[in-house]
Amino acid sequence: MKHTMVLRGPLPSKKNLYRRSARGGMYIPRTVKAALDSLQLQAQSQWQGRPPALKPDIRVALSVCNMRSDPDNKLTALLDVLRRAGVIKDDCANHVGSVSVSAHQAPRSDYEDRAVIVLEVNE
């Protein structure tokens, strides 16, 4: 079975999620949390309540506005979004077959990042 999802909107890099507060604690800024929540809702909507995929092969094509962004850290954040959305059970090697990512420059007409995710599940 092959399932394709398209998630639109800013995809923050995992290492850039947390900020230090004035009191020394760590937090995720509201804008970053809103972006991740938006991606999670899109994934949940497109997955339509199916059970989590078992050992899927995941291919991700990132269309990014800023080519200096870090695709592997964006991938980590995206896998967390898929886990929280219930698309995959976990992002560890026991629950994911393979993962590949590619990144290319978004057309100038696009004002936001986009992730095209293809999950292939061997049943």
PDB file of N, CA and C in Angstrom:
ATOM      1  N   MET A   1       0.847  -1.175   0.000  1.00  0.00           N
ATOM      2  CA  MET A   1       0.000   0.000   0.000  1.00  0.00           C
ATOM      3  C   MET A   1       0.894   1.240   0.000  1.00  0.00           C
ATOM      4  N   LYS A   2       0.527   2.208  -0.801  1.00  0.00           N
ATOM      5  CA  LYS A   2       1.274   3.460  -0.853  1.00  0.00           C
ATOM      6  C   LYS A   2       0.314   4.596  -0.498  1.00  0.00           C
ATOM      7  N   HIS A   3       0.769   5.467   0.388  1.00  0.00           N
ATOM      8  CA  HIS A   3      -0.041   6.619   0.792  1.00  0.00           C
ATOM      9  C   HIS A   3       0.831   7.871   0.690  1.00  0.00           C
ATOM     10  N   THR A   4       0.308   8.890   0.035  1.00  0.00           N
ATOM     11  CA  THR A   4       1.040  10.146  -0.128  1.00  0.00           C
ATOM     12  C   THR A   4       0.337  11.253   0.646  1.00  0.00           C
ATOM     13  N   MET A   5       1.115  12.011   1.398  1.00  0.00           N
ATOM     14  CA  MET A   5       0.615  13.175   2.137  1.00  0.00           C
ATOM     15  C   MET A   5       1.381  14.403   1.695  1.00  0.00           C
ATOM     16  N   VAL A   6       0.705  15.528   1.657  1.00  0.00           N
ATOM     17  CA  VAL A   6       1.361  16.806   1.401  1.00  0.00           C
ATOM     18  C   VAL A   6       1.068  17.708   2.582  1.00  0.00           C
ATOM     19  N   LEU A   7       2.116  18.113   3.294  1.00  0.00           N
ATOM     20  CA  LEU A   7       1.979  19.004   4.444  1.00  0.00           C
ATOM     21  C   LEU A   7       2.558  20.363   4.050  1.00  0.00           C
ATOM     22  N   ARG A   8       1.798  21.413   4.249  1.00  0.00           N
ATOM     23  CA  ARG A   8       2.221  22.754   3.863  1.00  0.00           C
ATOM     24  C   ARG A   8       2.399  23.638   5.087  1.00  0.00           C
ATOM     25  N   GLY A   9       3.410  24.473   5.031  1.00  0.00           N
ATOM     26  CA  GLY A   9       3.660  25.418   6.111  1.00  0.00           C
ATOM     27  C   GLY A   9       5.080  25.302   6.595  1.00  0.00           C
ATOM     28  N   PRO A  10       5.494  26.215   7.448  1.00  0.00           N
ATOM     29  CA  PRO A  10       6.866  26.185   7.941  1.00  0.00           C
ATOM     30  C   PRO A  10       7.158  24.906   8.709  1.00  0.00           C
ATOM     31  N   LEU A  11       8.305  24.316   8.424  1.00  0.00           N
ATOM     32  CA  LEU A  11       8.752  23.116   9.115  1.00  0.00           C
ATOM     33  C   LEU A  11      10.042  23.449   9.844  1.00  0.00           C
ATOM     34  N   PRO A  12       9.945  23.712  11.148  1.00  0.00           N
ATOM     35  CA  PRO A  12      11.136  24.105  11.909  1.00  0.00           C
ATOM     36  C   PRO A  12      12.127  22.959  12.041  1.00  0.00           C
ATOM     37  N   SER A  13      13.404  23.291  12.129  1.00  0.00           N
ATOM     38  CA  SER A  13      14.436  22.288  12.395  1.00  0.00           C
ATOM     39  C   SER A  13      14.379  21.888  13.861  1.00  0.00           C
ATOM     40  N   LYS A  14      14.571  20.613  14.144  1.00  0.00           N
ATOM     41  CA  LYS A  14      14.464  20.093  15.509  1.00  0.00           C
ATOM     42  C   LYS A  14      15.412  20.806  16.469  1.00  0.00           C
ATOM     43  N   LYS A  15      16.651  21.038  16.046  1.00  0.00           N
ATOM     44  CA  LYS A  15      17.614  21.638  16.972  1.00  0.00           C
ATOM     45  C   LYS A  15      17.303  23.098  17.271  1.00  0.00           C
ATOM     46  N   ASN A  16      16.459  23.720  16.477  1.00  0.00           N
ATOM     47  CA  ASN A  16      16.128  25.130  16.682  1.00  0.00           C
ATOM     48  C   ASN A  16      14.784  25.334  17.383  1.00  0.00           C
ATOM     49  N   LEU A  17      14.192  24.271  17.922  1.00  0.00           N
ATOM     50  CA  LEU A  17      12.863  24.387  18.513  1.00  0.00           C
ATOM     51  C   LEU A  17      12.856  25.095  19.859  1.00  0.00           C
ATOM     52  N   TYR A  18      13.828  24.799  20.699  1.00  0.00           N
ATOM     53  CA  TYR A  18      13.783  25.268  22.082  1.00  0.00           C
ATOM     54  C   TYR A  18      14.538  26.580  22.274  1.00  0.00           C
ATOM     55  N   ARG A  19      14.016  27.414  23.168  1.00  0.00           N
ATOM     56  CA  ARG A  19      14.648  28.674  23.552  1.00  0.00           C
ATOM     57  C   ARG A  19      14.832  28.674  25.064  1.00  0.00           C
ATOM     58  N   ARG A  20      15.793  29.432  25.527  1.00  0.00           N
ATOM     59  CA  ARG A  20      16.035  29.546  26.964  1.00  0.00           C
ATOM     60  C   ARG A  20      15.232  30.735  27.492  1.00  0.00           C
ATOM     61  N   SER A  21      14.529  30.516  28.588  1.00  0.00           N
ATOM     62  CA  SER A  21      13.740  31.586  29.195  1.00  0.00           C
ATOM     63  C   SER A  21      14.643  32.458  30.067  1.00  0.00           C
ATOM     64  N   ALA A  22      14.100  33.568  30.533  1.00  0.00           N
ATOM     65  CA  ALA A  22      14.851  34.484  31.387  1.00  0.00           C
ATOM     66  C   ALA A  22      15.268  33.814  32.695  1.00  0.00           C
ATOM     67  N   ARG A  23      14.492  32.828  33.135  1.00  0.00           N
ATOM     68  CA  ARG A  23      14.798  32.119  34.382  1.00  0.00           C
ATOM     69  C   ARG A  23      15.676  30.888  34.164  1.00  0.00           C
ATOM     70  N   GLY A  24      16.102  30.656  32.927  1.00  0.00           N
ATOM     71  CA  GLY A  24      17.008  29.548  32.650  1.00  0.00           C
ATOM     72  C   GLY A  24      16.348  28.275  32.154  1.00  0.00           C
ATOM     73  N   GLY A  25      15.027  28.215  32.171  1.00  0.00           N
ATOM     74  CA  GLY A  25      14.329  27.024  31.669  1.00  0.00           C
ATOM     75  C   GLY A  25      14.279  27.018  30.146  1.00  0.00           C
ATOM     76  N   MET A  26      13.802  25.924  29.581  1.00  0.00           N
ATOM     77  CA  MET A  26      13.683  25.796  28.130  1.00  0.00           C
ATOM     78  C   MET A  26      12.208  25.770  27.750  1.00  0.00           C
ATOM     79  N   TYR A  27      11.893  26.360  26.596  1.00  0.00           N
ATOM     80  CA  TYR A  27      10.517  26.359  26.115  1.00  0.00           C
ATOM     81  C   TYR A  27      10.508  26.399  24.591  1.00  0.00           C
ATOM     82  N   ILE A  28       9.367  26.022  24.008  1.00  0.00           N
ATOM     83  CA  ILE A  28       9.164  26.119  22.564  1.00  0.00           C
ATOM     84  C   ILE A  28       8.334  27.380  22.320  1.00  0.00           C
ATOM     85  N   PRO A  29       8.811  28.307  21.480  1.00  0.00           N
ATOM     86  CA  PRO A  29       8.049  29.522  21.201  1.00  0.00           C
ATOM     87  C   PRO A  29       6.665  29.204  20.610  1.00  0.00           C
ATOM     88  N   ARG A  30       5.709  30.072  20.869  1.00  0.00           N
ATOM     89  CA  ARG A  30       4.342  29.859  20.395  1.00  0.00           C
ATOM     90  C   ARG A  30       4.259  29.694  18.886  1.00  0.00           C
ATOM     91  N   THR A  31       5.048  30.477  18.147  1.00  0.00           N
ATOM     92  CA  THR A  31       4.990  30.395  16.686  1.00  0.00           C
ATOM     93  C   THR A  31       5.465  29.026  16.191  1.00  0.00           C
ATOM     94  N   VAL A  32       6.485  28.471  16.821  1.00  0.00           N
ATOM     95  CA  VAL A  32       6.997  27.150  16.442  1.00  0.00           C
ATOM     96  C   VAL A  32       5.970  26.084  16.805  1.00  0.00           C
ATOM     97  N   LYS A  33       5.397  26.176  18.005  1.00  0.00           N
ATOM     98  CA  LYS A  33       4.377  25.216  18.427  1.00  0.00           C
ATOM     99  C   LYS A  33       3.174  25.261  17.497  1.00  0.00           C
ATOM    100  N   ALA A  34       2.767  26.457  17.086  1.00  0.00           N
ATOM    101  CA  ALA A  34       1.633  26.591  16.167  1.00  0.00           C
ATOM    102  C   ALA A  34       1.946  25.943  14.812  1.00  0.00           C
ATOM    103  N   ALA A  35       3.173  26.120  14.323  1.00  0.00           N
ATOM    104  CA  ALA A  35       3.564  25.515  13.048  1.00  0.00           C
ATOM    105  C   ALA A  35       3.535  23.990  13.144  1.00  0.00           C
ATOM    106  N   LEU A  36       4.070  23.430  14.226  1.00  0.00           N
ATOM    107  CA  LEU A  36       4.067  21.979  14.406  1.00  0.00           C
ATOM    108  C   LEU A  36       2.652  21.441  14.582  1.00  0.00           C
ATOM    109  N   ASP A  37       1.816  22.159  15.330  1.00  0.00           N
ATOM    110  CA  ASP A  37       0.420  21.748  15.515  1.00  0.00           C
ATOM    111  C   ASP A  37      -0.335  21.749  14.187  1.00  0.00           C
ATOM    112  N   SER A  38      -0.070  22.745  13.351  1.00  0.00           N
ATOM    113  CA  SER A  38      -0.714  22.818  12.040  1.00  0.00           C
ATOM    114  C   SER A  38      -0.328  21.618  11.180  1.00  0.00           C
ATOM    115  N   LEU A  39       0.955  21.273  11.166  1.00  0.00           N
ATOM    116  CA  LEU A  39       1.414  20.113  10.401  1.00  0.00           C
ATOM    117  C   LEU A  39       0.805  18.824  10.940  1.00  0.00           C
ATOM    118  N   GLN A  40       0.700  18.724  12.277  1.00  0.00           N
ATOM    119  CA  GLN A  40       0.106  17.535  12.882  1.00  0.00           C
ATOM    120  C   GLN A  40      -1.360  17.390  12.481  1.00  0.00           C
ATOM    121  N   LEU A  41      -2.114  18.486  12.497  1.00  0.00           N
ATOM    122  CA  LEU A  41      -3.527  18.431  12.110  1.00  0.00           C
ATOM    123  C   LEU A  41      -3.688  18.045  10.642  1.00  0.00           C
ATOM    124  N   GLN A  42      -2.802  18.563   9.785  1.00  0.00           N
ATOM    125  CA  GLN A  42      -2.852  18.193   8.369  1.00  0.00           C
ATOM    126  C   GLN A  42      -2.599  16.693   8.201  1.00  0.00           C
ATOM    127  N   ALA A  43      -1.599  16.167   8.920  1.00  0.00           N
ATOM    128  CA  ALA A  43      -1.273  14.738   8.831  1.00  0.00           C
ATOM    129  C   ALA A  43      -2.435  13.882   9.347  1.00  0.00           C
ATOM    130  N   GLN A  44      -3.031  14.278  10.467  1.00  0.00           N
ATOM    131  CA  GLN A  44      -4.166  13.528  11.019  1.00  0.00           C
ATOM    132  C   GLN A  44      -5.331  13.526  10.033  1.00  0.00           C
ATOM    133  N   SER A  45      -5.600  14.656   9.434  1.00  0.00           N
ATOM    134  CA  SER A  45      -6.700  14.768   8.484  1.00  0.00           C
ATOM    135  C   SER A  45      -6.464  13.869   7.266  1.00  0.00           C
ATOM    136  N   GLN A  46      -5.241  13.854   6.769  1.00  0.00           N
ATOM    137  CA  GLN A  46      -4.952  13.060   5.580  1.00  0.00           C
ATOM    138  C   GLN A  46      -4.833  11.562   5.893  1.00  0.00           C
ATOM    139  N   TRP A  47      -4.488  11.212   7.124  1.00  0.00           N
ATOM    140  CA  TRP A  47      -4.367   9.811   7.517  1.00  0.00           C
ATOM    141  C   TRP A  47      -5.737   9.207   7.803  1.00  0.00           C
ATOM    142  N   GLN A  48      -6.704  10.028   8.147  1.00  0.00           N
ATOM    143  CA  GLN A  48      -8.119   9.669   8.310  1.00  0.00           C
ATOM    144  C   GLN A  48      -8.377   8.553   9.318  1.00  0.00           C
ATOM    145  N   GLY A  49      -7.715   8.601  10.465  1.00  0.00           N
ATOM    146  CA  GLY A  49      -8.027   7.683  11.553  1.00  0.00           C
ATOM    147  C   GLY A  49      -7.565   6.248  11.368  1.00  0.00           C
ATOM    148  N   ARG A  50      -6.745   5.984  10.368  1.00  0.00           N
ATOM    149  CA  ARG A  50      -6.212   4.625  10.208  1.00  0.00           C
ATOM    150  C   ARG A  50      -5.300   4.295  11.387  1.00  0.00           C
ATOM    151  N   PRO A  51      -5.069   2.997  11.634  1.00  0.00           N
ATOM    152  CA  PRO A  51      -4.079   2.650  12.665  1.00  0.00           C
ATOM    153  C   PRO A  51      -2.678   3.020  12.164  1.00  0.00           C
ATOM    154  N   PRO A  52      -1.729   3.182  13.073  1.00  0.00           N
ATOM    155  CA  PRO A  52      -0.367   3.539  12.651  1.00  0.00           C
ATOM    156  C   PRO A  52       0.204   2.522  11.657  1.00  0.00           C
ATOM    157  N   ALA A  53       0.953   3.034  10.681  1.00  0.00           N
ATOM    158  CA  ALA A  53       1.582   2.170   9.676  1.00  0.00           C
ATOM    159  C   ALA A  53       2.650   1.307  10.338  1.00  0.00           C
ATOM    160  N   LEU A  54       2.724   0.046   9.912  1.00  0.00           N
ATOM    161  CA  LEU A  54       3.693  -0.886  10.469  1.00  0.00           C
ATOM    162  C   LEU A  54       4.916  -0.967   9.562  1.00  0.00           C
ATOM    163  N   LYS A  55       6.072  -0.588  10.088  1.00  0.00           N
ATOM    164  CA  LYS A  55       7.362  -0.617   9.379  1.00  0.00           C
ATOM    165  C   LYS A  55       7.287  -0.011   7.974  1.00  0.00           C
ATOM    166  N   PRO A  56       6.778   1.219   7.858  1.00  0.00           N
ATOM    167  CA  PRO A  56       6.701   1.812   6.522  1.00  0.00           C
ATOM    168  C   PRO A  56       8.076   2.263   6.021  1.00  0.00           C
ATOM    169  N   ASP A  57       8.223   2.264   4.708  1.00  0.00           N
ATOM    170  CA  ASP A  57       9.356   2.920   4.071  1.00  0.00           C
ATOM    171  C   ASP A  57       8.881   4.349   3.808  1.00  0.00           C
ATOM    172  N   ILE A  58       9.605   5.324   4.322  1.00  0.00           N
ATOM    173  CA  ILE A  58       9.170   6.722   4.258  1.00  0.00           C
ATOM    174  C   ILE A  58      10.110   7.499   3.356  1.00  0.00           C
ATOM    175  N   ARG A  59       9.538   8.145   2.354  1.00  0.00           N
ATOM    176  CA  ARG A  59      10.304   9.039   1.483  1.00  0.00           C
ATOM    177  C   ARG A  59       9.740  10.442   1.651  1.00  0.00           C
ATOM    178  N   VAL A  60      10.615  11.390   1.905  1.00  0.00           N
ATOM    179  CA  VAL A  60      10.201  12.776   2.131  1.00  0.00           C
ATOM    180  C   VAL A  60      10.892  13.658   1.107  1.00  0.00           C
ATOM    181  N   ALA A  61      10.104  14.467   0.406  1.00  0.00           N
ATOM    182  CA  ALA A  61      10.650  15.473  -0.513  1.00  0.00           C
ATOM    183  C   ALA A  61      10.303  16.839   0.072  1.00  0.00           C
ATOM    184  N   LEU A  62      11.313  17.574   0.492  1.00  0.00           N
ATOM    185  CA  LEU A  62      11.102  18.900   1.078  1.00  0.00           C
ATOM    186  C   LEU A  62      11.255  19.958  -0.006  1.00  0.00           C
ATOM    187  N   SER A  63      10.286  20.827  -0.083  1.00  0.00           N
ATOM    188  CA  SER A  63      10.363  21.994  -0.947  1.00  0.00           C
ATOM    189  C   SER A  63      10.516  23.178  -0.005  1.00  0.00           C
ATOM    190  N   VAL A  64      11.723  23.744   0.066  1.00  0.00           N
ATOM    191  CA  VAL A  64      12.026  24.759   1.071  1.00  0.00           C
ATOM    192  C   VAL A  64      12.296  26.113   0.432  1.00  0.00           C
ATOM    193  N   CYS A  65      11.877  27.154   1.127  1.00  0.00           N
ATOM    194  CA  CYS A  65      12.109  28.521   0.658  1.00  0.00           C
ATOM    195  C   CYS A  65      13.560  28.936   0.885  1.00  0.00           C
ATOM    196  N   ASN A  66      14.168  28.428   1.959  1.00  0.00           N
ATOM    197  CA  ASN A  66      15.533  28.792   2.313  1.00  0.00           C
ATOM    198  C   ASN A  66      16.426  27.559   2.173  1.00  0.00           C
ATOM    199  N   MET A  67      17.278  27.539   1.165  1.00  0.00           N
ATOM    200  CA  MET A  67      18.118  26.372   0.915  1.00  0.00           C
ATOM    201  C   MET A  67      19.219  26.198   1.966  1.00  0.00           C
ATOM    202  N   ARG A  68      19.393  27.155   2.849  1.00  0.00           N
ATOM    203  CA  ARG A  68      20.372  26.995   3.927  1.00  0.00           C
ATOM    204  C   ARG A  68      19.804  26.187   5.085  1.00  0.00           C
ATOM    205  N   SER A  69      18.516  25.853   5.025  1.00  0.00           N
ATOM    206  CA  SER A  69      17.918  25.078   6.117  1.00  0.00           C
ATOM    207  C   SER A  69      18.498  23.664   6.132  1.00  0.00           C
ATOM    208  N   ASP A  70      18.376  23.013   7.263  1.00  0.00           N
ATOM    209  CA  ASP A  70      19.016  21.729   7.523  1.00  0.00           C
ATOM    210  C   ASP A  70      18.011  20.590   7.335  1.00  0.00           C
ATOM    211  N   PRO A  71      18.090  19.823   6.222  1.00  0.00           N
ATOM    212  CA  PRO A  71      17.072  18.809   5.951  1.00  0.00           C
ATOM    213  C   PRO A  71      16.995  17.696   6.994  1.00  0.00           C
ATOM    214  N   ASP A  72      18.134  17.276   7.569  1.00  0.00           N
ATOM    215  CA  ASP A  72      18.050  16.172   8.530  1.00  0.00           C
ATOM    216  C   ASP A  72      17.359  16.609   9.821  1.00  0.00           C
ATOM    217  N   ASN A  73      17.542  17.843  10.247  1.00  0.00           N
ATOM    218  CA  ASN A  73      16.831  18.324  11.434  1.00  0.00           C
ATOM    219  C   ASN A  73      15.349  18.582  11.138  1.00  0.00           C
ATOM    220  N   LYS A  74      15.037  18.994   9.912  1.00  0.00           N
ATOM    221  CA  LYS A  74      13.633  19.121   9.519  1.00  0.00           C
ATOM    222  C   LYS A  74      12.976  17.745   9.487  1.00  0.00           C
ATOM    223  N   LEU A  75      13.717  16.741   9.017  1.00  0.00           N
ATOM    224  CA  LEU A  75      13.192  15.377   8.976  1.00  0.00           C
ATOM    225  C   LEU A  75      12.878  14.879  10.382  1.00  0.00           C
ATOM    226  N   THR A  76      13.750  15.144  11.334  1.00  0.00           N
ATOM    227  CA  THR A  76      13.520  14.726  12.718  1.00  0.00           C
ATOM    228  C   THR A  76      12.232  15.342  13.263  1.00  0.00           C
ATOM    229  N   ALA A  77      12.029  16.626  13.018  1.00  0.00           N
ATOM    230  CA  ALA A  77      10.803  17.285  13.472  1.00  0.00           C
ATOM    231  C   ALA A  77       9.587  16.694  12.759  1.00  0.00           C
ATOM    232  N   LEU A  78       9.726  16.396  11.468  1.00  0.00           N
ATOM    233  CA  LEU A  78       8.623  15.830  10.697  1.00  0.00           C
ATOM    234  C   LEU A  78       8.251  14.428  11.194  1.00  0.00           C
ATOM    235  N   LEU A  79       9.243  13.606  11.522  1.00  0.00           N
ATOM    236  CA  LEU A  79       8.947  12.275  12.065  1.00  0.00           C
ATOM    237  C   LEU A  79       8.227  12.387  13.406  1.00  0.00           C
ATOM    238  N   ASP A  80       8.594  13.360  14.215  1.00  0.00           N
ATOM    239  CA  ASP A  80       7.882  13.597  15.476  1.00  0.00           C
ATOM    240  C   ASP A  80       6.429  13.996  15.216  1.00  0.00           C
ATOM    241  N   VAL A  81       6.203  14.815  14.204  1.00  0.00           N
ATOM    242  CA  VAL A  81       4.843  15.216  13.827  1.00  0.00           C
ATOM    243  C   VAL A  81       4.036  13.986  13.396  1.00  0.00           C
ATOM    244  N   LEU A  82       4.630  13.120  12.571  1.00  0.00           N
ATOM    245  CA  LEU A  82       3.933  11.908  12.123  1.00  0.00           C
ATOM    246  C   LEU A  82       3.621  10.979  13.292  1.00  0.00           C
ATOM    247  N   ARG A  83       4.529  10.901  14.248  1.00  0.00           N
ATOM    248  CA  ARG A  83       4.283  10.063  15.435  1.00  0.00           C
ATOM    249  C   ARG A  83       3.127  10.626  16.249  1.00  0.00           C
ATOM    250  N   ARG A  84       3.164  11.932  16.509  1.00  0.00           N
ATOM    251  CA  ARG A  84       2.088  12.558  17.302  1.00  0.00           C
ATOM    252  C   ARG A  84       0.745  12.502  16.586  1.00  0.00           C
ATOM    253  N   ALA A  85       0.760  12.477  15.247  1.00  0.00           N
ATOM    254  CA  ALA A  85      -0.479  12.420  14.466  1.00  0.00           C
ATOM    255  C   ALA A  85      -1.034  11.001  14.367  1.00  0.00           C
ATOM    256  N   GLY A  86      -0.251  10.005  14.815  1.00  0.00           N
ATOM    257  CA  GLY A  86      -0.723   8.629  14.766  1.00  0.00           C
ATOM    258  C   GLY A  86      -0.477   7.944  13.429  1.00  0.00           C
ATOM    259  N   VAL A  87       0.324   8.543  12.569  1.00  0.00           N
ATOM    260  CA  VAL A  87       0.633   7.953  11.267  1.00  0.00           C
ATOM    261  C   VAL A  87       1.632   6.811  11.429  1.00  0.00           C
ATOM    262  N   ILE A  88       2.627   7.005  12.294  1.00  0.00           N
ATOM    263  CA  ILE A  88       3.579   5.948  12.625  1.00  0.00           C
ATOM    264  C   ILE A  88       3.535   5.736  14.138  1.00  0.00           C
ATOM    265  N   LYS A  89       3.843   4.519  14.562  1.00  0.00           N
ATOM    266  CA  LYS A  89       3.801   4.234  16.002  1.00  0.00           C
ATOM    267  C   LYS A  89       4.941   4.918  16.731  1.00  0.00           C
ATOM    268  N   ASP A  90       6.134   4.871  16.141  1.00  0.00           N
ATOM    269  CA  ASP A  90       7.310   5.480  16.730  1.00  0.00           C
ATOM    270  C   ASP A  90       8.294   5.713  15.597  1.00  0.00           C
ATOM    271  N   ASP A  91       9.297   6.552  15.835  1.00  0.00           N
ATOM    272  CA  ASP A  91      10.278   6.822  14.784  1.00  0.00           C
ATOM    273  C   ASP A  91      11.582   6.066  14.993  1.00  0.00           C
ATOM    274  N   CYS A  92      11.541   5.013  15.814  1.00  0.00           N
ATOM    275  CA  CYS A  92      12.745   4.209  16.037  1.00  0.00           C
ATOM    276  C   CYS A  92      12.846   3.124  14.955  1.00  0.00           C
ATOM    277  N   ALA A  93      13.997   2.480  14.883  1.00  0.00           N
ATOM    278  CA  ALA A  93      14.256   1.481  13.846  1.00  0.00           C
ATOM    279  C   ALA A  93      13.311   0.279  13.933  1.00  0.00           C
ATOM    280  N   ASN A  94      12.758  -0.011  15.109  1.00  0.00           N
ATOM    281  CA  ASN A  94      11.811  -1.121  15.248  1.00  0.00           C
ATOM    282  C   ASN A  94      10.503  -0.869  14.514  1.00  0.00           C
ATOM    283  N   HIS A  95      10.141   0.397  14.308  1.00  0.00           N
ATOM    284  CA  HIS A  95       8.827   0.721  13.765  1.00  0.00           C
ATOM    285  C   HIS A  95       8.873   1.383  12.391  1.00  0.00           C
ATOM    286  N   VAL A  96      10.062   1.670  11.882  1.00  0.00           N
ATOM    287  CA  VAL A  96      10.192   2.301  10.564  1.00  0.00           C
ATOM    288  C   VAL A  96      11.138   1.454   9.729  1.00  0.00           C
ATOM    289  N   GLY A  97      10.729   1.138   8.482  1.00  0.00           N
ATOM    290  CA  GLY A  97      11.579   0.343   7.603  1.00  0.00           C
ATOM    291  C   GLY A  97      12.786   1.134   7.143  1.00  0.00           C
ATOM    292  N   SER A  98      12.555   2.145   6.346  1.00  0.00           N
ATOM    293  CA  SER A  98      13.641   3.001   5.867  1.00  0.00           C
ATOM    294  C   SER A  98      13.113   4.422   5.734  1.00  0.00           C
ATOM    295  N   VAL A  99      14.052   5.367   5.747  1.00  0.00           N
ATOM    296  CA  VAL A  99      13.697   6.785   5.629  1.00  0.00           C
ATOM    297  C   VAL A  99      14.667   7.432   4.651  1.00  0.00           C
ATOM    298  N   SER A 100      14.130   8.191   3.718  1.00  0.00           N
ATOM    299  CA  SER A 100      14.991   8.967   2.826  1.00  0.00           C
ATOM    300  C   SER A 100      14.410  10.375   2.709  1.00  0.00           C
ATOM    301  N   VAL A 101      15.297  11.328   2.515  1.00  0.00           N
ATOM    302  CA  VAL A 101      14.862  12.718   2.411  1.00  0.00           C
ATOM    303  C   VAL A 101      15.626  13.399   1.285  1.00  0.00           C
ATOM    304  N   SER A 102      14.925  14.240   0.553  1.00  0.00           N
ATOM    305  CA  SER A 102      15.560  15.090  -0.457  1.00  0.00           C
ATOM    306  C   SER A 102      15.003  16.493  -0.271  1.00  0.00           C
ATOM    307  N   ALA A 103      15.793  17.475  -0.650  1.00  0.00           N
ATOM    308  CA  ALA A 103      15.365  18.873  -0.506  1.00  0.00           C
ATOM    309  C   ALA A 103      15.656  19.609  -1.797  1.00  0.00           C
ATOM    310  N   HIS A 104      14.734  20.470  -2.180  1.00  0.00           N
ATOM    311  CA  HIS A 104      14.956  21.322  -3.339  1.00  0.00           C
ATOM    312  C   HIS A 104      14.357  22.699  -3.081  1.00  0.00           C
ATOM    313  N   GLN A 105      14.800  23.665  -3.843  1.00  0.00           N
ATOM    314  CA  GLN A 105      14.349  25.053  -3.709  1.00  0.00           C
ATOM    315  C   GLN A 105      12.889  25.161  -4.141  1.00  0.00           C
ATOM    316  N   ALA A 106      12.075  25.787  -3.322  1.00  0.00           N
ATOM    317  CA  ALA A 106      10.674  26.023  -3.672  1.00  0.00           C
ATOM    318  C   ALA A 106      10.607  27.075  -4.779  1.00  0.00           C
ATOM    319  N   PRO A 107       9.626  26.976  -5.665  1.00  0.00           N
ATOM    320  CA  PRO A 107       9.470  28.025  -6.677  1.00  0.00           C
ATOM    321  C   PRO A 107       9.236  29.378  -6.018  1.00  0.00           C
ATOM    322  N   ARG A 108       9.620  30.421  -6.699  1.00  0.00           N
ATOM    323  CA  ARG A 108       9.455  31.768  -6.124  1.00  0.00           C
ATOM    324  C   ARG A 108       8.000  32.098  -5.819  1.00  0.00           C
ATOM    325  N   SER A 109       7.089  31.454  -6.516  1.00  0.00           N
ATOM    326  CA  SER A 109       5.666  31.722  -6.277  1.00  0.00           C
ATOM    327  C   SER A 109       5.178  31.106  -4.966  1.00  0.00           C
ATOM    328  N   ASP A 110       5.932  30.137  -4.424  1.00  0.00           N
ATOM    329  CA  ASP A 110       5.555  29.530  -3.140  1.00  0.00           C
ATOM    330  C   ASP A 110       6.084  30.393  -2.001  1.00  0.00           C
ATOM    331  N   TYR A 111       5.233  30.664  -1.050  1.00  0.00           N
ATOM    332  CA  TYR A 111       5.631  31.488   0.094  1.00  0.00           C
ATOM    333  C   TYR A 111       5.781  30.668   1.360  1.00  0.00           C
ATOM    334  N   GLU A 112       5.721  29.346   1.224  1.00  0.00           N
ATOM    335  CA  GLU A 112       5.837  28.498   2.400  1.00  0.00           C
ATOM    336  C   GLU A 112       6.538  27.201   2.037  1.00  0.00           C
ATOM    337  N   ASP A 113       7.077  26.547   3.047  1.00  0.00           N
ATOM    338  CA  ASP A 113       7.704  25.246   2.842  1.00  0.00           C
ATOM    339  C   ASP A 113       6.614  24.208   2.588  1.00  0.00           C
ATOM    340  N   ARG A 114       7.024  23.113   1.994  1.00  0.00           N
ATOM    341  CA  ARG A 114       6.087  22.016   1.736  1.00  0.00           C
ATOM    342  C   ARG A 114       6.847  20.707   1.892  1.00  0.00           C
ATOM    343  N   ALA A 115       6.198  19.720   2.484  1.00  0.00           N
ATOM    344  CA  ALA A 115       6.781  18.384   2.611  1.00  0.00           C
ATOM    345  C   ALA A 115       5.830  17.402   1.937  1.00  0.00           C
ATOM    346  N   VAL A 116       6.337  16.670   0.956  1.00  0.00           N
ATOM    347  CA  VAL A 116       5.572  15.601   0.330  1.00  0.00           C
ATOM    348  C   VAL A 116       6.101  14.301   0.923  1.00  0.00           C
ATOM    349  N   ILE A 117       5.221  13.555   1.556  1.00  0.00           N
ATOM    350  CA  ILE A 117       5.609  12.343   2.285  1.00  0.00           C
ATOM    351  C   ILE A 117       4.945  11.152   1.612  1.00  0.00           C
ATOM    352  N   VAL A 118       5.731  10.170   1.242  1.00  0.00           N
ATOM    353  CA  VAL A 118       5.197   8.931   0.677  1.00  0.00           C
ATOM    354  C   VAL A 118       5.524   7.807   1.650  1.00  0.00           C
ATOM    355  N   LEU A 119       4.479   7.154   2.136  1.00  0.00           N
ATOM    356  CA  LEU A 119       4.647   6.004   3.019  1.00  0.00           C
ATOM    357  C   LEU A 119       4.299   4.754   2.235  1.00  0.00           C
ATOM    358  N   GLU A 120       5.200   3.812   2.180  1.00  0.00           N
ATOM    359  CA  GLU A 120       4.929   2.529   1.530  1.00  0.00           C
ATOM    360  C   GLU A 120       4.947   1.463   2.605  1.00  0.00           C
ATOM    361  N   VAL A 121       3.843   0.736   2.698  1.00  0.00           N
ATOM    362  CA  VAL A 121       3.707  -0.307   3.703  1.00  0.00           C
ATOM    363  C   VAL A 121       3.539  -1.636   2.987  1.00  0.00           C
ATOM    364  N   ASN A 122       4.407  -2.571   3.278  1.00  0.00           N
ATOM    365  CA  ASN A 122       4.277  -3.929   2.710  1.00  0.00           C
ATOM    366  C   ASN A 122       3.345  -4.729   3.601  1.00  0.00           C
ATOM    367  N   GLU A 123       2.223  -5.110   3.041  1.00  0.00           N
ATOM    368  CA  GLU A 123       1.251  -5.847   3.855  1.00  0.00           C
ATOM    369  C   GLU A 123       1.306  -7.324   3.553  1.00  0.00           C
TER     370      GLU A 123
END
